[in-house]
Amino acid sequence: MGLWTLLEGCLLLANALAILNEDRFLTPRGWSFQEYSGARRNSVKGQIIGLIYTTQYLRVLLILLNTLCIVIKFVSG
């Protein structure tokens, strides 16, 4: 496994986190951002919730990274 494969895997994981719907998926399972504030944000669950919301906030950057990845795949074969 090379570095490029690892970066592609991280990009796919970020894409998966970015498409999670809060109303349909996160809130029924207790992963809503409003439920965690203050000291609870330092827990592992709070950190994961923060990561999910960060990826949803940076969707434009993900679109650009996906486009770059596709172009590199077309060029390199």
PDB file of N, CA and C in Angstrom:
ATOM      1  N   MET A   1       0.856  -1.170   0.000  1.00  0.00           N
ATOM      2  CA  MET A   1       0.000   0.000   0.000  1.00  0.00           C
ATOM      3  C   MET A   1       0.903   1.234   0.000  1.00  0.00           C
ATOM      4  N   GLY A   2       0.648   2.094  -0.943  1.00  0.00           N
ATOM      5  CA  GLY A   2       1.460   3.291  -1.061  1.00  0.00           C
ATOM      6  C   GLY A   2       0.794   4.493  -0.404  1.00  0.00           C
ATOM      7  N   LEU A   3       1.499   5.594  -0.447  1.00  0.00           N
ATOM      8  CA  LEU A   3       0.996   6.826   0.142  1.00  0.00           C
ATOM      9  C   LEU A   3      -0.234   7.327  -0.610  1.00  0.00           C
ATOM     10  N   TRP A   4      -0.227   7.174  -1.947  1.00  0.00           N
ATOM     11  CA  TRP A   4      -1.369   7.629  -2.737  1.00  0.00           C
ATOM     12  C   TRP A   4      -2.631   6.845  -2.364  1.00  0.00           C
ATOM     13  N   THR A   5      -2.513   5.558  -2.172  1.00  0.00           N
ATOM     14  CA  THR A   5      -3.656   4.729  -1.789  1.00  0.00           C
ATOM     15  C   THR A   5      -4.183   5.135  -0.412  1.00  0.00           C
ATOM     16  N   LEU A   6      -3.282   5.444   0.500  1.00  0.00           N
ATOM     17  CA  LEU A   6      -3.687   5.898   1.832  1.00  0.00           C
ATOM     18  C   LEU A   6      -4.425   7.235   1.756  1.00  0.00           C
ATOM     19  N   LEU A   7      -3.931   8.157   0.932  1.00  0.00           N
ATOM     20  CA  LEU A   7      -4.604   9.447   0.762  1.00  0.00           C
ATOM     21  C   LEU A   7      -5.982   9.288   0.124  1.00  0.00           C
ATOM     22  N   GLU A   8      -6.095   8.395  -0.847  1.00  0.00           N
ATOM     23  CA  GLU A   8      -7.402   8.126  -1.462  1.00  0.00           C
ATOM     24  C   GLU A   8      -8.377   7.543  -0.441  1.00  0.00           C
ATOM     25  N   GLY A   9      -7.898   6.669   0.407  1.00  0.00           N
ATOM     26  CA  GLY A   9      -8.742   6.093   1.453  1.00  0.00           C
ATOM     27  C   GLY A   9      -9.241   7.148   2.428  1.00  0.00           C
ATOM     28  N   CYS A  10      -8.358   8.076   2.809  1.00  0.00           N
ATOM     29  CA  CYS A  10      -8.762   9.172   3.702  1.00  0.00           C
ATOM     30  C   CYS A  10      -9.788  10.073   3.026  1.00  0.00           C
ATOM     31  N   LEU A  11      -9.616  10.313   1.727  1.00  0.00           N
ATOM     32  CA  LEU A  11     -10.584  11.119   0.982  1.00  0.00           C
ATOM     33  C   LEU A  11     -11.941  10.419   0.919  1.00  0.00           C
ATOM     34  N   LEU A  12     -11.947   9.127   0.717  1.00  0.00           N
ATOM     35  CA  LEU A  12     -13.203   8.378   0.701  1.00  0.00           C
ATOM     36  C   LEU A  12     -13.886   8.406   2.065  1.00  0.00           C
ATOM     37  N   LEU A  13     -13.108   8.311   3.132  1.00  0.00           N
ATOM     38  CA  LEU A  13     -13.669   8.399   4.482  1.00  0.00           C
ATOM     39  C   LEU A  13     -14.257   9.781   4.740  1.00  0.00           C
ATOM     40  N   ALA A  14     -13.569  10.823   4.300  1.00  0.00           N
ATOM     41  CA  ALA A  14     -14.088  12.187   4.459  1.00  0.00           C
ATOM     42  C   ALA A  14     -15.375  12.369   3.666  1.00  0.00           C
ATOM     43  N   ASN A  15     -15.443  11.778   2.479  1.00  0.00           N
ATOM     44  CA  ASN A  15     -16.677  11.839   1.693  1.00  0.00           C
ATOM     45  C   ASN A  15     -17.824  11.141   2.409  1.00  0.00           C
ATOM     46  N   ALA A  16     -17.528  10.007   3.009  1.00  0.00           N
ATOM     47  CA  ALA A  16     -18.566   9.268   3.729  1.00  0.00           C
ATOM     48  C   ALA A  16     -19.082  10.057   4.928  1.00  0.00           C
ATOM     49  N   LEU A  17     -18.205  10.749   5.625  1.00  0.00           N
ATOM     50  CA  LEU A  17     -18.638  11.554   6.771  1.00  0.00           C
ATOM     51  C   LEU A  17     -19.413  12.790   6.333  1.00  0.00           C
ATOM     52  N   ALA A  18     -19.067  13.330   5.166  1.00  0.00           N
ATOM     53  CA  ALA A  18     -19.700  14.562   4.698  1.00  0.00           C
ATOM     54  C   ALA A  18     -21.147  14.351   4.263  1.00  0.00           C
ATOM     55  N   ILE A  19     -21.504  13.142   3.862  1.00  0.00           N
ATOM     56  CA  ILE A  19     -22.864  12.927   3.358  1.00  0.00           C
ATOM     57  C   ILE A  19     -23.836  12.440   4.426  1.00  0.00           C
ATOM     58  N   LEU A  20     -23.373  12.274   5.662  1.00  0.00           N
ATOM     59  CA  LEU A  20     -24.279  11.830   6.717  1.00  0.00           C
ATOM     60  C   LEU A  20     -25.320  12.907   7.011  1.00  0.00           C
ATOM     61  N   ASN A  21     -26.567  12.521   7.024  1.00  0.00           N
ATOM     62  CA  ASN A  21     -27.668  13.444   7.296  1.00  0.00           C
ATOM     63  C   ASN A  21     -27.937  13.463   8.798  1.00  0.00           C
ATOM     64  N   GLU A  22     -27.963  14.668   9.368  1.00  0.00           N
ATOM     65  CA  GLU A  22     -28.151  14.775  10.813  1.00  0.00           C
ATOM     66  C   GLU A  22     -29.546  14.320  11.238  1.00  0.00           C
ATOM     67  N   ASP A  23     -30.573  14.721  10.519  1.00  0.00           N
ATOM     68  CA  ASP A  23     -31.942  14.394  10.914  1.00  0.00           C
ATOM     69  C   ASP A  23     -32.255  12.909  10.757  1.00  0.00           C
ATOM     70  N   ARG A  24     -31.751  12.294   9.707  1.00  0.00           N
ATOM     71  CA  ARG A  24     -32.100  10.901   9.437  1.00  0.00           C
ATOM     72  C   ARG A  24     -31.162   9.897  10.086  1.00  0.00           C
ATOM     73  N   PHE A  25     -29.891  10.272  10.288  1.00  0.00           N
ATOM     74  CA  PHE A  25     -28.929   9.289  10.764  1.00  0.00           C
ATOM     75  C   PHE A  25     -28.336   9.626  12.128  1.00  0.00           C
ATOM     76  N   LEU A  26     -27.902  10.849  12.315  1.00  0.00           N
ATOM     77  CA  LEU A  26     -27.145  11.177  13.523  1.00  0.00           C
ATOM     78  C   LEU A  26     -28.017  11.376  14.752  1.00  0.00           C
ATOM     79  N   THR A  27     -29.087  12.162  14.639  1.00  0.00           N
ATOM     80  CA  THR A  27     -29.927  12.470  15.800  1.00  0.00           C
ATOM     81  C   THR A  27     -30.599  11.236  16.406  1.00  0.00           C
ATOM     82  N   PRO A  28     -31.176  10.318  15.613  1.00  0.00           N
ATOM     83  CA  PRO A  28     -31.787   9.133  16.237  1.00  0.00           C
ATOM     84  C   PRO A  28     -30.800   8.250  17.001  1.00  0.00           C
ATOM     85  N   ARG A  29     -29.539   8.339  16.679  1.00  0.00           N
ATOM     86  CA  ARG A  29     -28.525   7.527  17.353  1.00  0.00           C
ATOM     87  C   ARG A  29     -27.815   8.275  18.473  1.00  0.00           C
ATOM     88  N   GLY A  30     -28.238   9.507  18.752  1.00  0.00           N
ATOM     89  CA  GLY A  30     -27.646  10.282  19.828  1.00  0.00           C
ATOM     90  C   GLY A  30     -26.343  10.953  19.464  1.00  0.00           C
ATOM     91  N   TRP A  31     -26.118  11.219  18.178  1.00  0.00           N
ATOM     92  CA  TRP A  31     -24.878  11.828  17.726  1.00  0.00           C
ATOM     93  C   TRP A  31     -25.103  13.252  17.236  1.00  0.00           C
ATOM     94  N   SER A  32     -26.092  13.927  17.772  1.00  0.00           N
ATOM     95  CA  SER A  32     -26.389  15.295  17.362  1.00  0.00           C
ATOM     96  C   SER A  32     -25.378  16.255  17.965  1.00  0.00           C
ATOM     97  N   PHE A  33     -25.071  17.322  17.229  1.00  0.00           N
ATOM     98  CA  PHE A  33     -24.080  18.285  17.696  1.00  0.00           C
ATOM     99  C   PHE A  33     -24.597  19.101  18.871  1.00  0.00           C
ATOM    100  N   GLN A  34     -25.897  19.317  18.968  1.00  0.00           N
ATOM    101  CA  GLN A  34     -26.448  20.110  20.058  1.00  0.00           C
ATOM    102  C   GLN A  34     -26.420  19.368  21.396  1.00  0.00           C
ATOM    103  N   GLU A  35     -26.344  18.062  21.373  1.00  0.00           N
ATOM    104  CA  GLU A  35     -26.324  17.284  22.610  1.00  0.00           C
ATOM    105  C   GLU A  35     -24.973  17.353  23.327  1.00  0.00           C
ATOM    106  N   TYR A  36     -23.943  17.718  22.619  1.00  0.00           N
ATOM    107  CA  TYR A  36     -22.603  17.731  23.187  1.00  0.00           C
ATOM    108  C   TYR A  36     -22.066  19.149  23.242  1.00  0.00           C
ATOM    109  N   SER A  37     -21.873  19.641  24.430  1.00  0.00           N
ATOM    110  CA  SER A  37     -21.303  20.970  24.611  1.00  0.00           C
ATOM    111  C   SER A  37     -20.464  20.973  25.873  1.00  0.00           C
ATOM    112  N   GLY A  38     -19.597  21.931  25.968  1.00  0.00           N
ATOM    113  CA  GLY A  38     -18.770  22.075  27.166  1.00  0.00           C
ATOM    114  C   GLY A  38     -17.747  20.970  27.323  1.00  0.00           C
ATOM    115  N   ALA A  39     -17.750  20.313  28.459  1.00  0.00           N
ATOM    116  CA  ALA A  39     -16.745  19.296  28.781  1.00  0.00           C
ATOM    117  C   ALA A  39     -16.931  18.023  27.966  1.00  0.00           C
ATOM    118  N   ARG A  40     -18.134  17.767  27.478  1.00  0.00           N
ATOM    119  CA  ARG A  40     -18.364  16.535  26.721  1.00  0.00           C
ATOM    120  C   ARG A  40     -17.695  16.561  25.350  1.00  0.00           C
ATOM    121  N   ARG A  41     -17.311  17.730  24.875  1.00  0.00           N
ATOM    122  CA  ARG A  41     -16.659  17.816  23.573  1.00  0.00           C
ATOM    123  C   ARG A  41     -15.266  17.208  23.601  1.00  0.00           C
ATOM    124  N   ASN A  42     -14.685  17.054  24.760  1.00  0.00           N
ATOM    125  CA  ASN A  42     -13.352  16.480  24.859  1.00  0.00           C
ATOM    126  C   ASN A  42     -13.360  14.956  24.862  1.00  0.00           C
ATOM    127  N   SER A  43     -14.536  14.347  24.913  1.00  0.00           N
ATOM    128  CA  SER A  43     -14.602  12.886  24.878  1.00  0.00           C
ATOM    129  C   SER A  43     -14.373  12.403  23.450  1.00  0.00           C
ATOM    130  N   VAL A  44     -14.175  11.104  23.305  1.00  0.00           N
ATOM    131  CA  VAL A  44     -13.943  10.525  21.980  1.00  0.00           C
ATOM    132  C   VAL A  44     -15.169  10.719  21.100  1.00  0.00           C
ATOM    133  N   LYS A  45     -16.346  10.496  21.661  1.00  0.00           N
ATOM    134  CA  LYS A  45     -17.577  10.671  20.901  1.00  0.00           C
ATOM    135  C   LYS A  45     -17.752  12.133  20.478  1.00  0.00           C
ATOM    136  N   GLY A  46     -17.427  13.044  21.354  1.00  0.00           N
ATOM    137  CA  GLY A  46     -17.505  14.460  21.029  1.00  0.00           C
ATOM    138  C   GLY A  46     -16.529  14.853  19.934  1.00  0.00           C
ATOM    139  N   GLN A  47     -15.333  14.259  19.951  1.00  0.00           N
ATOM    140  CA  GLN A  47     -14.345  14.536  18.921  1.00  0.00           C
ATOM    141  C   GLN A  47     -14.794  13.991  17.564  1.00  0.00           C
ATOM    142  N   ILE A  48     -15.414  12.814  17.558  1.00  0.00           N
ATOM    143  CA  ILE A  48     -15.915  12.238  16.305  1.00  0.00           C
ATOM    144  C   ILE A  48     -17.048  13.089  15.750  1.00  0.00           C
ATOM    145  N   ILE A  49     -17.932  13.567  16.611  1.00  0.00           N
ATOM    146  CA  ILE A  49     -19.017  14.443  16.172  1.00  0.00           C
ATOM    147  C   ILE A  49     -18.442  15.734  15.580  1.00  0.00           C
ATOM    148  N   GLY A  50     -17.425  16.276  16.206  1.00  0.00           N
ATOM    149  CA  GLY A  50     -16.767  17.459  15.666  1.00  0.00           C
ATOM    150  C   GLY A  50     -16.142  17.201  14.310  1.00  0.00           C
ATOM    151  N   LEU A  51     -15.547  16.016  14.119  1.00  0.00           N
ATOM    152  CA  LEU A  51     -14.967  15.649  12.829  1.00  0.00           C
ATOM    153  C   LEU A  51     -16.043  15.538  11.757  1.00  0.00           C
ATOM    154  N   ILE A  52     -17.184  14.955  12.109  1.00  0.00           N
ATOM    155  CA  ILE A  52     -18.287  14.833  11.156  1.00  0.00           C
ATOM    156  C   ILE A  52     -18.767  16.208  10.710  1.00  0.00           C
ATOM    157  N   TYR A  53     -18.957  17.110  11.647  1.00  0.00           N
ATOM    158  CA  TYR A  53     -19.437  18.441  11.297  1.00  0.00           C
ATOM    159  C   TYR A  53     -18.383  19.260  10.562  1.00  0.00           C
ATOM    160  N   THR A  54     -17.120  19.010  10.820  1.00  0.00           N
ATOM    161  CA  THR A  54     -16.072  19.703  10.081  1.00  0.00           C
ATOM    162  C   THR A  54     -16.067  19.274   8.626  1.00  0.00           C
ATOM    163  N   THR A  55     -16.206  17.981   8.374  1.00  0.00           N
ATOM    164  CA  THR A  55     -16.232  17.520   6.990  1.00  0.00           C
ATOM    165  C   THR A  55     -17.468  18.017   6.262  1.00  0.00           C
ATOM    166  N   GLN A  56     -18.591  18.145   6.960  1.00  0.00           N
ATOM    167  CA  GLN A  56     -19.782  18.682   6.319  1.00  0.00           C
ATOM    168  C   GLN A  56     -19.624  20.166   6.021  1.00  0.00           C
ATOM    169  N   TYR A  57     -18.878  20.863   6.828  1.00  0.00           N
ATOM    170  CA  TYR A  57     -18.656  22.295   6.632  1.00  0.00           C
ATOM    171  C   TYR A  57     -17.704  22.550   5.464  1.00  0.00           C
ATOM    172  N   LEU A  58     -16.762  21.649   5.243  1.00  0.00           N
ATOM    173  CA  LEU A  58     -15.757  21.822   4.196  1.00  0.00           C
ATOM    174  C   LEU A  58     -16.081  21.039   2.929  1.00  0.00           C
ATOM    175  N   ARG A  59     -17.335  21.000   2.532  1.00  0.00           N
ATOM    176  CA  ARG A  59     -17.735  20.233   1.345  1.00  0.00           C
ATOM    177  C   ARG A  59     -17.130  20.775   0.058  1.00  0.00           C
ATOM    178  N   VAL A  60     -16.955  22.083  -0.044  1.00  0.00           N
ATOM    179  CA  VAL A  60     -16.373  22.660  -1.260  1.00  0.00           C
ATOM    180  C   VAL A  60     -14.933  22.183  -1.427  1.00  0.00           C
ATOM    181  N   LEU A  61     -14.184  22.142  -0.345  1.00  0.00           N
ATOM    182  CA  LEU A  61     -12.821  21.626  -0.402  1.00  0.00           C
ATOM    183  C   LEU A  61     -12.813  20.150  -0.806  1.00  0.00           C
ATOM    184  N   LEU A  62     -13.765  19.383  -0.304  1.00  0.00           N
ATOM    185  CA  LEU A  62     -13.858  17.967  -0.689  1.00  0.00           C
ATOM    186  C   LEU A  62     -14.167  17.819  -2.167  1.00  0.00           C
ATOM    187  N   ILE A  63     -15.014  18.681  -2.704  1.00  0.00           N
ATOM    188  CA  ILE A  63     -15.316  18.633  -4.140  1.00  0.00           C
ATOM    189  C   ILE A  63     -14.054  18.895  -4.955  1.00  0.00           C
ATOM    190  N   LEU A  64     -13.282  19.879  -4.532  1.00  0.00           N
ATOM    191  CA  LEU A  64     -12.037  20.184  -5.244  1.00  0.00           C
ATOM    192  C   LEU A  64     -11.037  19.033  -5.144  1.00  0.00           C
ATOM    193  N   LEU A  65     -10.914  18.431  -3.971  1.00  0.00           N
ATOM    194  CA  LEU A  65      -9.998  17.295  -3.808  1.00  0.00           C
ATOM    195  C   LEU A  65     -10.449  16.083  -4.617  1.00  0.00           C
ATOM    196  N   ASN A  66     -11.750  15.847  -4.686  1.00  0.00           N
ATOM    197  CA  ASN A  66     -12.261  14.751  -5.504  1.00  0.00           C
ATOM    198  C   ASN A  66     -11.983  14.989  -6.977  1.00  0.00           C
ATOM    199  N   THR A  67     -12.165  16.219  -7.431  1.00  0.00           N
ATOM    200  CA  THR A  67     -11.889  16.560  -8.824  1.00  0.00           C
ATOM    201  C   THR A  67     -10.411  16.370  -9.139  1.00  0.00           C
ATOM    202  N   LEU A  68      -9.553  16.814  -8.238  1.00  0.00           N
ATOM    203  CA  LEU A  68      -8.114  16.636  -8.422  1.00  0.00           C
ATOM    204  C   LEU A  68      -7.744  15.155  -8.476  1.00  0.00           C
ATOM    205  N   CYS A  69      -8.347  14.370  -7.616  1.00  0.00           N
ATOM    206  CA  CYS A  69      -8.077  12.933  -7.590  1.00  0.00           C
ATOM    207  C   CYS A  69      -8.514  12.262  -8.900  1.00  0.00           C
ATOM    208  N   ILE A  70      -9.666  12.667  -9.413  1.00  0.00           N
ATOM    209  CA  ILE A  70     -10.163  12.105 -10.678  1.00  0.00           C
ATOM    210  C   ILE A  70      -9.242  12.473 -11.828  1.00  0.00           C
ATOM    211  N   VAL A  71      -8.802  13.724 -11.880  1.00  0.00           N
ATOM    212  CA  VAL A  71      -7.905  14.173 -12.942  1.00  0.00           C
ATOM    213  C   VAL A  71      -6.587  13.414 -12.886  1.00  0.00           C
ATOM    214  N   ILE A  72      -6.045  13.230 -11.696  1.00  0.00           N
ATOM    215  CA  ILE A  72      -4.789  12.487 -11.565  1.00  0.00           C
ATOM    216  C   ILE A  72      -4.972  11.036 -11.999  1.00  0.00           C
ATOM    217  N   LYS A  73      -6.113  10.446 -11.673  1.00  0.00           N
ATOM    218  CA  LYS A  73      -6.374   9.064 -12.099  1.00  0.00           C
ATOM    219  C   LYS A  73      -6.475   8.964 -13.624  1.00  0.00           C
ATOM    220  N   PHE A  74      -7.104   9.962 -14.264  1.00  0.00           N
ATOM    221  CA  PHE A  74      -7.192   9.960 -15.724  1.00  0.00           C
ATOM    222  C   PHE A  74      -5.823  10.113 -16.374  1.00  0.00           C
ATOM    223  N   VAL A  75      -4.993  10.959 -15.819  1.00  0.00           N
ATOM    224  CA  VAL A  75      -3.682  11.215 -16.395  1.00  0.00           C
ATOM    225  C   VAL A  75      -2.749  10.030 -16.176  1.00  0.00           C
ATOM    226  N   SER A  76      -2.736   9.478 -14.981  1.00  0.00           N
ATOM    227  CA  SER A  76      -1.792   8.414 -14.670  1.00  0.00           C
ATOM    228  C   SER A  76      -2.263   7.028 -15.121  1.00  0.00           C
ATOM    229  N   GLY A  77      -3.547   6.890 -15.357  1.00  0.00           N
ATOM    230  CA  GLY A  77      -4.066   5.618 -15.844  1.00  0.00           C
ATOM    231  C   GLY A  77      -4.426   4.719 -14.793  1.00  0.00           C
TER     232      GLY A  77
END
